Amino acid sequence: MSDSSLYQQDFLAWLAQQQSALASRDVTVLDWENLAEELDAMGIREKNELKNRLVVLLAHLLKWHYQPMKRSVSWFTTIANQRDDLQDLLEEKPSLYQYIPEILPKAYRNARREASAETGIGLAAFLETCPYKIEEILHSEFLCNTTDDFDRAISE
């Protein structure tokens, strides 16, 4: 079976074959075209994970800011967890930082819509462009102080 047909028929078997070929440096077995495609897809997935985490965090920060009377432990926990997860992601893959200027406006656009839909606050109430810098978004004391305990954080 050719490498390409194995790629189409059994992706996991193809992965194992390619990993083995790479480990043994057997370039004759490598499926160059599909490997290049998969490496490209891996990069796209990493950028999408960054964007998706930013959307969730930004939407919750907006809800936290615009609806102080509805703050909950759930919102607090989501903000704290997303901040931690984003910082972990950026520490593990520091080259993702270079994509933040491209990704942040798109993530904010989606978060703005999500916050509007979930709060019932008109979209126009939210600024059209992201008012926050990435350093603020990730800072544990920005808007929602996630260094405090739950009770104190939700009573603000």
N, C-alpha and C. Protein backbone atom coordinates (compact mmCIF):
# COMPACT_ATOMS: atom_id res chain seq x y z
N MET A 1 0.85 -1.17 0.00
CA MET A 1 0.00 0.00 0.00
C MET A 1 0.90 1.23 0.00
N SER A 2 0.63 2.18 -0.86
CA SER A 2 1.43 3.39 -0.91
C SER A 2 1.14 4.25 0.31
N ASP A 3 2.09 5.13 0.62
CA ASP A 3 1.93 6.01 1.77
C ASP A 3 0.66 6.86 1.65
N SER A 4 0.39 7.36 0.44
CA SER A 4 -0.77 8.21 0.25
C SER A 4 -2.08 7.46 0.46
N SER A 5 -2.14 6.20 -0.01
CA SER A 5 -3.39 5.48 0.17
C SER A 5 -3.58 5.08 1.64
N LEU A 6 -2.50 4.79 2.35
CA LEU A 6 -2.61 4.51 3.78
C LEU A 6 -3.09 5.76 4.52
N TYR A 7 -2.62 6.91 4.12
CA TYR A 7 -3.05 8.18 4.69
C TYR A 7 -4.56 8.33 4.53
N GLN A 8 -5.11 7.96 3.39
CA GLN A 8 -6.54 8.07 3.13
C GLN A 8 -7.35 7.01 3.87
N GLN A 9 -6.80 5.80 3.99
CA GLN A 9 -7.58 4.68 4.53
C GLN A 9 -7.48 4.53 6.05
N ASP A 10 -6.30 4.82 6.63
CA ASP A 10 -6.12 4.62 8.07
C ASP A 10 -5.11 5.64 8.57
N PHE A 11 -5.62 6.79 8.95
CA PHE A 11 -4.76 7.91 9.33
C PHE A 11 -3.84 7.55 10.49
N LEU A 12 -4.34 6.84 11.50
CA LEU A 12 -3.50 6.48 12.64
C LEU A 12 -2.39 5.53 12.25
N ALA A 13 -2.67 4.58 11.38
CA ALA A 13 -1.62 3.68 10.89
C ALA A 13 -0.59 4.47 10.10
N TRP A 14 -1.06 5.42 9.30
CA TRP A 14 -0.15 6.28 8.53
C TRP A 14 0.75 7.08 9.47
N LEU A 15 0.15 7.64 10.54
CA LEU A 15 0.94 8.39 11.52
C LEU A 15 2.03 7.52 12.14
N ALA A 16 1.66 6.31 12.54
CA ALA A 16 2.63 5.39 13.14
C ALA A 16 3.75 5.07 12.15
N GLN A 17 3.38 4.84 10.90
CA GLN A 17 4.37 4.55 9.86
C GLN A 17 5.31 5.73 9.65
N GLN A 18 4.75 6.92 9.61
CA GLN A 18 5.57 8.11 9.37
C GLN A 18 6.47 8.40 10.57
N GLN A 19 5.93 8.21 11.78
CA GLN A 19 6.74 8.42 12.98
C GLN A 19 7.90 7.44 13.01
N SER A 20 7.63 6.20 12.68
CA SER A 20 8.68 5.18 12.64
C SER A 20 9.74 5.52 11.59
N ALA A 21 9.28 5.96 10.43
CA ALA A 21 10.21 6.32 9.35
C ALA A 21 11.08 7.52 9.77
N LEU A 22 10.47 8.48 10.44
CA LEU A 22 11.24 9.63 10.91
C LEU A 22 12.26 9.22 11.97
N ALA A 23 11.83 8.38 12.91
CA ALA A 23 12.71 7.94 13.98
C ALA A 23 13.90 7.15 13.44
N SER A 24 13.66 6.35 12.41
CA SER A 24 14.74 5.54 11.82
C SER A 24 15.44 6.27 10.67
N ARG A 25 14.98 7.48 10.38
CA ARG A 25 15.54 8.31 9.31
C ARG A 25 15.47 7.61 7.95
N ASP A 26 14.37 6.89 7.75
CA ASP A 26 14.12 6.20 6.49
C ASP A 26 13.34 7.12 5.56
N VAL A 27 14.05 7.94 4.81
CA VAL A 27 13.40 8.93 3.95
C VAL A 27 12.65 8.30 2.79
N THR A 28 12.91 7.05 2.50
CA THR A 28 12.23 6.39 1.38
C THR A 28 10.78 6.09 1.70
N VAL A 29 10.42 6.02 2.97
CA VAL A 29 9.06 5.70 3.38
C VAL A 29 8.22 6.96 3.64
N LEU A 30 8.88 8.07 3.80
CA LEU A 30 8.16 9.29 4.15
C LEU A 30 7.22 9.74 3.04
N ASP A 31 6.02 10.10 3.45
CA ASP A 31 4.98 10.62 2.55
C ASP A 31 5.08 12.14 2.60
N TRP A 32 5.98 12.68 1.82
CA TRP A 32 6.36 14.09 1.90
C TRP A 32 5.17 15.04 1.73
N GLU A 33 4.34 14.78 0.76
CA GLU A 33 3.22 15.68 0.49
C GLU A 33 2.24 15.75 1.66
N ASN A 34 1.86 14.59 2.15
CA ASN A 34 0.90 14.57 3.27
C ASN A 34 1.54 15.03 4.58
N LEU A 35 2.83 14.75 4.76
CA LEU A 35 3.52 15.25 5.95
C LEU A 35 3.53 16.78 5.95
N ALA A 36 3.82 17.38 4.82
CA ALA A 36 3.83 18.85 4.71
C ALA A 36 2.44 19.39 5.00
N GLU A 37 1.41 18.74 4.48
CA GLU A 37 0.03 19.18 4.72
C GLU A 37 -0.33 19.07 6.20
N GLU A 38 0.06 17.98 6.83
CA GLU A 38 -0.25 17.78 8.25
C GLU A 38 0.51 18.77 9.13
N LEU A 39 1.74 19.08 8.79
CA LEU A 39 2.50 20.07 9.56
C LEU A 39 1.85 21.44 9.46
N ASP A 40 1.37 21.79 8.28
CA ASP A 40 0.65 23.04 8.10
C ASP A 40 -0.62 23.05 8.95
N ALA A 41 -1.34 21.95 8.94
CA ALA A 41 -2.59 21.85 9.71
C ALA A 41 -2.30 21.94 11.21
N MET A 42 -1.17 21.41 11.65
CA MET A 42 -0.81 21.50 13.07
C MET A 42 -0.63 22.96 13.48
N GLY A 43 0.02 23.74 12.63
CA GLY A 43 0.20 25.16 12.92
C GLY A 43 -1.12 25.89 12.99
N ILE A 44 -2.02 25.57 12.10
CA ILE A 44 -3.34 26.19 12.09
C ILE A 44 -4.10 25.83 13.37
N ARG A 45 -4.01 24.57 13.80
CA ARG A 45 -4.69 24.15 15.03
C ARG A 45 -4.16 24.91 16.25
N GLU A 46 -2.86 25.12 16.30
CA GLU A 46 -2.28 25.86 17.42
C GLU A 46 -2.79 27.29 17.46
N LYS A 47 -2.85 27.94 16.31
CA LYS A 47 -3.36 29.32 16.25
C LYS A 47 -4.85 29.35 16.60
N ASN A 48 -5.60 28.35 16.16
CA ASN A 48 -7.02 28.28 16.49
C ASN A 48 -7.24 28.07 17.99
N GLU A 49 -6.38 27.28 18.62
CA GLU A 49 -6.51 27.09 20.06
C GLU A 49 -6.28 28.43 20.78
N LEU A 50 -5.28 29.18 20.34
CA LEU A 50 -5.03 30.50 20.92
C LEU A 50 -6.25 31.39 20.75
N LYS A 51 -6.81 31.43 19.55
CA LYS A 51 -7.97 32.28 19.29
C LYS A 51 -9.17 31.83 20.13
N ASN A 52 -9.45 30.54 20.17
CA ASN A 52 -10.61 30.04 20.90
C ASN A 52 -10.51 30.35 22.40
N ARG A 53 -9.34 30.20 22.96
CA ARG A 53 -9.16 30.49 24.38
C ARG A 53 -9.32 31.99 24.64
N LEU A 54 -8.81 32.81 23.71
CA LEU A 54 -8.99 34.26 23.85
C LEU A 54 -10.47 34.65 23.76
N VAL A 55 -11.21 34.02 22.86
CA VAL A 55 -12.65 34.32 22.73
C VAL A 55 -13.35 34.04 24.06
N VAL A 56 -13.12 32.88 24.63
CA VAL A 56 -13.77 32.51 25.88
C VAL A 56 -13.38 33.49 26.99
N LEU A 57 -12.10 33.78 27.11
CA LEU A 57 -11.64 34.69 28.15
C LEU A 57 -12.20 36.09 27.96
N LEU A 58 -12.10 36.61 26.74
CA LEU A 58 -12.60 37.96 26.48
C LEU A 58 -14.11 38.07 26.71
N ALA A 59 -14.86 37.09 26.27
CA ALA A 59 -16.32 37.12 26.48
C ALA A 59 -16.64 37.16 27.97
N HIS A 60 -15.93 36.40 28.75
CA HIS A 60 -16.19 36.39 30.19
C HIS A 60 -15.71 37.68 30.86
N LEU A 61 -14.61 38.24 30.39
CA LEU A 61 -14.18 39.54 30.92
C LEU A 61 -15.21 40.62 30.61
N LEU A 62 -15.76 40.58 29.40
CA LEU A 62 -16.79 41.56 29.04
C LEU A 62 -18.04 41.38 29.90
N LYS A 63 -18.46 40.15 30.08
CA LYS A 63 -19.63 39.90 30.93
C LYS A 63 -19.35 40.35 32.37
N TRP A 64 -18.16 40.07 32.85
CA TRP A 64 -17.78 40.46 34.21
C TRP A 64 -17.82 41.98 34.34
N HIS A 65 -17.32 42.67 33.35
CA HIS A 65 -17.26 44.13 33.37
C HIS A 65 -18.65 44.77 33.24
N TYR A 66 -19.44 44.27 32.30
CA TYR A 66 -20.73 44.90 31.98
C TYR A 66 -21.89 44.43 32.85
N GLN A 67 -21.74 43.33 33.53
CA GLN A 67 -22.83 42.84 34.39
C GLN A 67 -22.32 42.50 35.79
N PRO A 68 -21.88 43.51 36.55
CA PRO A 68 -21.33 43.22 37.87
C PRO A 68 -22.32 42.55 38.82
N MET A 69 -23.61 42.80 38.63
CA MET A 69 -24.60 42.19 39.51
C MET A 69 -24.84 40.71 39.21
N LYS A 70 -24.37 40.24 38.08
CA LYS A 70 -24.59 38.84 37.72
C LYS A 70 -23.31 38.01 37.80
N ARG A 71 -22.28 38.56 38.38
CA ARG A 71 -21.02 37.83 38.51
C ARG A 71 -21.25 36.53 39.28
N SER A 72 -20.53 35.52 38.84
CA SER A 72 -20.71 34.21 39.47
C SER A 72 -19.37 33.51 39.63
N VAL A 73 -19.38 32.50 40.46
CA VAL A 73 -18.20 31.67 40.63
C VAL A 73 -17.83 31.02 39.30
N SER A 74 -18.84 30.68 38.51
CA SER A 74 -18.59 30.08 37.21
C SER A 74 -17.81 31.03 36.29
N TRP A 75 -18.22 32.28 36.24
CA TRP A 75 -17.50 33.26 35.41
C TRP A 75 -16.08 33.43 35.94
N PHE A 76 -15.97 33.58 37.26
CA PHE A 76 -14.66 33.74 37.89
C PHE A 76 -13.74 32.57 37.54
N THR A 77 -14.26 31.36 37.68
CA THR A 77 -13.47 30.16 37.41
C THR A 77 -13.05 30.10 35.95
N THR A 78 -13.97 30.43 35.05
CA THR A 78 -13.64 30.42 33.63
C THR A 78 -12.53 31.42 33.34
N ILE A 79 -12.64 32.62 33.89
CA ILE A 79 -11.61 33.64 33.67
C ILE A 79 -10.26 33.16 34.20
N ALA A 80 -10.26 32.64 35.43
CA ALA A 80 -9.01 32.16 36.03
C ALA A 80 -8.41 31.01 35.22
N ASN A 81 -9.24 30.04 34.84
CA ASN A 81 -8.74 28.89 34.10
C ASN A 81 -8.24 29.27 32.72
N GLN A 82 -8.97 30.13 32.03
CA GLN A 82 -8.54 30.54 30.68
C GLN A 82 -7.24 31.33 30.75
N ARG A 83 -7.10 32.18 31.74
CA ARG A 83 -5.84 32.91 31.89
C ARG A 83 -4.68 31.94 32.10
N ASP A 84 -4.89 31.00 33.02
CA ASP A 84 -3.83 30.02 33.29
C ASP A 84 -3.52 29.20 32.04
N ASP A 85 -4.56 28.73 31.37
CA ASP A 85 -4.36 27.89 30.18
C ASP A 85 -3.68 28.66 29.05
N LEU A 86 -4.06 29.93 28.88
CA LEU A 86 -3.41 30.75 27.85
C LEU A 86 -1.94 30.99 28.18
N GLN A 87 -1.66 31.28 29.44
CA GLN A 87 -0.27 31.48 29.83
C GLN A 87 0.54 30.20 29.64
N ASP A 88 -0.06 29.06 29.99
CA ASP A 88 0.62 27.77 29.78
C ASP A 88 0.89 27.55 28.29
N LEU A 89 -0.11 27.80 27.47
CA LEU A 89 0.02 27.62 26.03
C LEU A 89 1.15 28.49 25.47
N LEU A 90 1.18 29.75 25.89
CA LEU A 90 2.20 30.67 25.40
C LEU A 90 3.59 30.34 25.93
N GLU A 91 3.66 29.77 27.13
CA GLU A 91 4.95 29.32 27.66
C GLU A 91 5.45 28.09 26.90
N GLU A 92 4.54 27.17 26.60
CA GLU A 92 4.90 25.95 25.88
C GLU A 92 5.24 26.23 24.42
N LYS A 93 4.58 27.24 23.85
CA LYS A 93 4.74 27.55 22.43
C LYS A 93 4.94 29.06 22.27
N PRO A 94 6.10 29.56 22.68
CA PRO A 94 6.30 31.02 22.68
C PRO A 94 6.20 31.67 21.30
N SER A 95 6.37 30.92 20.25
CA SER A 95 6.25 31.52 18.91
C SER A 95 4.82 31.95 18.60
N LEU A 96 3.84 31.49 19.40
CA LEU A 96 2.46 31.94 19.21
C LEU A 96 2.29 33.43 19.50
N TYR A 97 3.18 34.00 20.32
CA TYR A 97 3.09 35.43 20.62
C TYR A 97 3.05 36.27 19.35
N GLN A 98 3.81 35.86 18.33
CA GLN A 98 3.87 36.65 17.11
C GLN A 98 2.53 36.75 16.39
N TYR A 99 1.61 35.84 16.68
CA TYR A 99 0.31 35.83 16.01
C TYR A 99 -0.76 36.62 16.77
N ILE A 100 -0.46 37.06 17.99
CA ILE A 100 -1.45 37.77 18.79
C ILE A 100 -1.98 39.02 18.10
N PRO A 101 -1.13 39.86 17.50
CA PRO A 101 -1.69 41.06 16.83
C PRO A 101 -2.69 40.73 15.73
N GLU A 102 -2.54 39.60 15.09
CA GLU A 102 -3.46 39.16 14.04
C GLU A 102 -4.71 38.51 14.64
N ILE A 103 -4.54 37.74 15.69
CA ILE A 103 -5.61 36.94 16.26
C ILE A 103 -6.49 37.71 17.24
N LEU A 104 -5.91 38.60 18.03
CA LEU A 104 -6.67 39.30 19.06
C LEU A 104 -7.88 40.06 18.53
N PRO A 105 -7.76 40.83 17.43
CA PRO A 105 -8.96 41.52 16.93
C PRO A 105 -10.07 40.57 16.50
N LYS A 106 -9.71 39.44 15.93
CA LYS A 106 -10.71 38.45 15.51
C LYS A 106 -11.35 37.79 16.72
N ALA A 107 -10.54 37.49 17.72
CA ALA A 107 -11.07 36.88 18.94
C ALA A 107 -12.01 37.86 19.65
N TYR A 108 -11.63 39.13 19.70
CA TYR A 108 -12.48 40.13 20.35
C TYR A 108 -13.80 40.29 19.59
N ARG A 109 -13.74 40.30 18.27
CA ARG A 109 -14.97 40.39 17.46
C ARG A 109 -15.95 39.30 17.87
N ASN A 110 -15.46 38.08 17.98
CA ASN A 110 -16.32 36.94 18.35
C ASN A 110 -16.77 37.03 19.80
N ALA A 111 -15.87 37.45 20.68
CA ALA A 111 -16.20 37.56 22.11
C ALA A 111 -17.25 38.64 22.33
N ARG A 112 -17.14 39.71 21.59
CA ARG A 112 -18.10 40.82 21.69
C ARG A 112 -19.51 40.34 21.33
N ARG A 113 -19.59 39.59 20.23
CA ARG A 113 -20.90 39.03 19.82
C ARG A 113 -21.43 38.07 20.87
N GLU A 114 -20.53 37.22 21.37
CA GLU A 114 -20.94 36.22 22.37
C GLU A 114 -21.41 36.91 23.65
N ALA A 115 -20.68 37.91 24.11
CA ALA A 115 -21.07 38.63 25.33
C ALA A 115 -22.40 39.34 25.13
N SER A 116 -22.60 39.92 23.97
CA SER A 116 -23.86 40.59 23.68
C SER A 116 -25.02 39.60 23.71
N ALA A 117 -24.85 38.47 23.06
CA ALA A 117 -25.90 37.46 23.00
C ALA A 117 -26.21 36.89 24.38
N GLU A 118 -25.18 36.66 25.19
CA GLU A 118 -25.38 36.03 26.49
C GLU A 118 -25.88 37.00 27.56
N THR A 119 -25.60 38.28 27.39
CA THR A 119 -26.03 39.25 28.40
C THR A 119 -27.32 39.97 28.02
N GLY A 120 -27.65 39.96 26.73
CA GLY A 120 -28.79 40.72 26.27
C GLY A 120 -28.48 42.21 26.11
N ILE A 121 -27.23 42.56 26.29
CA ILE A 121 -26.79 43.94 26.10
C ILE A 121 -26.53 44.13 24.61
N GLY A 122 -27.03 45.21 24.05
CA GLY A 122 -26.84 45.46 22.62
C GLY A 122 -25.38 45.49 22.22
N LEU A 123 -25.11 44.98 21.05
CA LEU A 123 -23.74 44.90 20.54
C LEU A 123 -23.06 46.27 20.54
N ALA A 124 -23.81 47.31 20.26
CA ALA A 124 -23.25 48.67 20.19
C ALA A 124 -22.72 49.15 21.54
N ALA A 125 -23.12 48.54 22.64
CA ALA A 125 -22.64 48.94 23.96
C ALA A 125 -21.18 48.55 24.17
N PHE A 126 -20.74 47.55 23.41
CA PHE A 126 -19.36 47.09 23.52
C PHE A 126 -18.51 47.80 22.47
N LEU A 127 -17.32 48.23 22.85
CA LEU A 127 -16.43 48.88 21.89
C LEU A 127 -16.20 47.96 20.69
N GLU A 128 -16.04 48.54 19.51
CA GLU A 128 -15.84 47.74 18.30
C GLU A 128 -14.47 47.11 18.24
N THR A 129 -13.49 47.77 18.81
CA THR A 129 -12.13 47.19 18.81
C THR A 129 -11.74 46.85 20.24
N CYS A 130 -10.91 45.88 20.36
CA CYS A 130 -10.53 45.39 21.68
C CYS A 130 -9.84 46.50 22.48
N PRO A 131 -10.40 46.82 23.63
CA PRO A 131 -9.82 47.89 24.44
C PRO A 131 -8.66 47.42 25.33
N TYR A 132 -8.36 46.12 25.29
CA TYR A 132 -7.37 45.55 26.19
C TYR A 132 -6.11 45.11 25.44
N LYS A 133 -4.99 45.23 26.11
CA LYS A 133 -3.73 44.69 25.60
C LYS A 133 -3.60 43.26 26.12
N ILE A 134 -2.84 42.45 25.43
CA ILE A 134 -2.69 41.05 25.83
C ILE A 134 -2.13 40.95 27.25
N GLU A 135 -1.25 41.86 27.62
CA GLU A 135 -0.69 41.84 28.97
C GLU A 135 -1.77 42.06 30.02
N GLU A 136 -2.75 42.91 29.71
CA GLU A 136 -3.86 43.15 30.63
C GLU A 136 -4.76 41.92 30.69
N ILE A 137 -5.09 41.39 29.54
CA ILE A 137 -5.99 40.24 29.46
C ILE A 137 -5.47 39.09 30.32
N LEU A 138 -4.17 38.87 30.28
CA LEU A 138 -3.57 37.75 30.99
C LEU A 138 -3.23 38.06 32.45
N HIS A 139 -3.26 39.33 32.81
CA HIS A 139 -2.88 39.72 34.17
C HIS A 139 -3.94 39.28 35.18
N SER A 140 -3.51 38.62 36.22
CA SER A 140 -4.44 38.02 37.19
C SER A 140 -5.24 39.03 37.99
N GLU A 141 -4.88 40.30 37.94
CA GLU A 141 -5.63 41.30 38.70
C GLU A 141 -6.39 42.28 37.81
N PHE A 142 -6.40 42.04 36.51
CA PHE A 142 -7.09 42.93 35.57
C PHE A 142 -8.58 42.58 35.51
N LEU A 143 -9.44 43.55 35.73
CA LEU A 143 -10.91 43.44 35.73
C LEU A 143 -11.42 42.45 36.77
N CYS A 144 -11.08 41.22 36.62
CA CYS A 144 -11.49 40.17 37.56
C CYS A 144 -10.23 39.69 38.27
N ASN A 145 -10.10 40.01 39.54
CA ASN A 145 -8.90 39.69 40.29
C ASN A 145 -8.90 38.20 40.65
N THR A 146 -8.23 37.42 39.85
CA THR A 146 -8.23 35.97 40.05
C THR A 146 -7.16 35.52 41.04
N THR A 147 -6.48 36.48 41.68
CA THR A 147 -5.58 36.10 42.76
C THR A 147 -6.33 36.08 44.09
N ASP A 148 -7.54 36.66 44.10
CA ASP A 148 -8.37 36.64 45.31
C ASP A 148 -9.18 35.35 45.37
N ASP A 149 -9.80 35.11 46.51
CA ASP A 149 -10.65 33.93 46.62
C ASP A 149 -12.00 34.17 45.93
N PHE A 150 -12.76 33.13 45.78
CA PHE A 150 -14.04 33.21 45.07
C PHE A 150 -15.00 34.24 45.67
N ASP A 151 -15.19 34.17 46.98
CA ASP A 151 -16.15 35.06 47.63
C ASP A 151 -15.81 36.53 47.41
N ARG A 152 -14.56 36.85 47.60
CA ARG A 152 -14.14 38.24 47.43
C ARG A 152 -14.26 38.65 45.97
N ALA A 153 -13.89 37.80 45.05
CA ALA A 153 -13.90 38.13 43.63
C ALA A 153 -15.31 38.38 43.12
N ILE A 154 -16.28 37.60 43.55
CA ILE A 154 -17.63 37.77 43.02
C ILE A 154 -18.44 38.83 43.76
N SER A 155 -17.90 39.34 44.86
CA SER A 155 -18.64 40.37 45.59
C SER A 155 -18.23 41.77 45.15
N GLU A 156 -17.29 41.88 44.27
CA GLU A 156 -16.85 43.21 43.78
C GLU A 156 -17.94 43.87 42.99
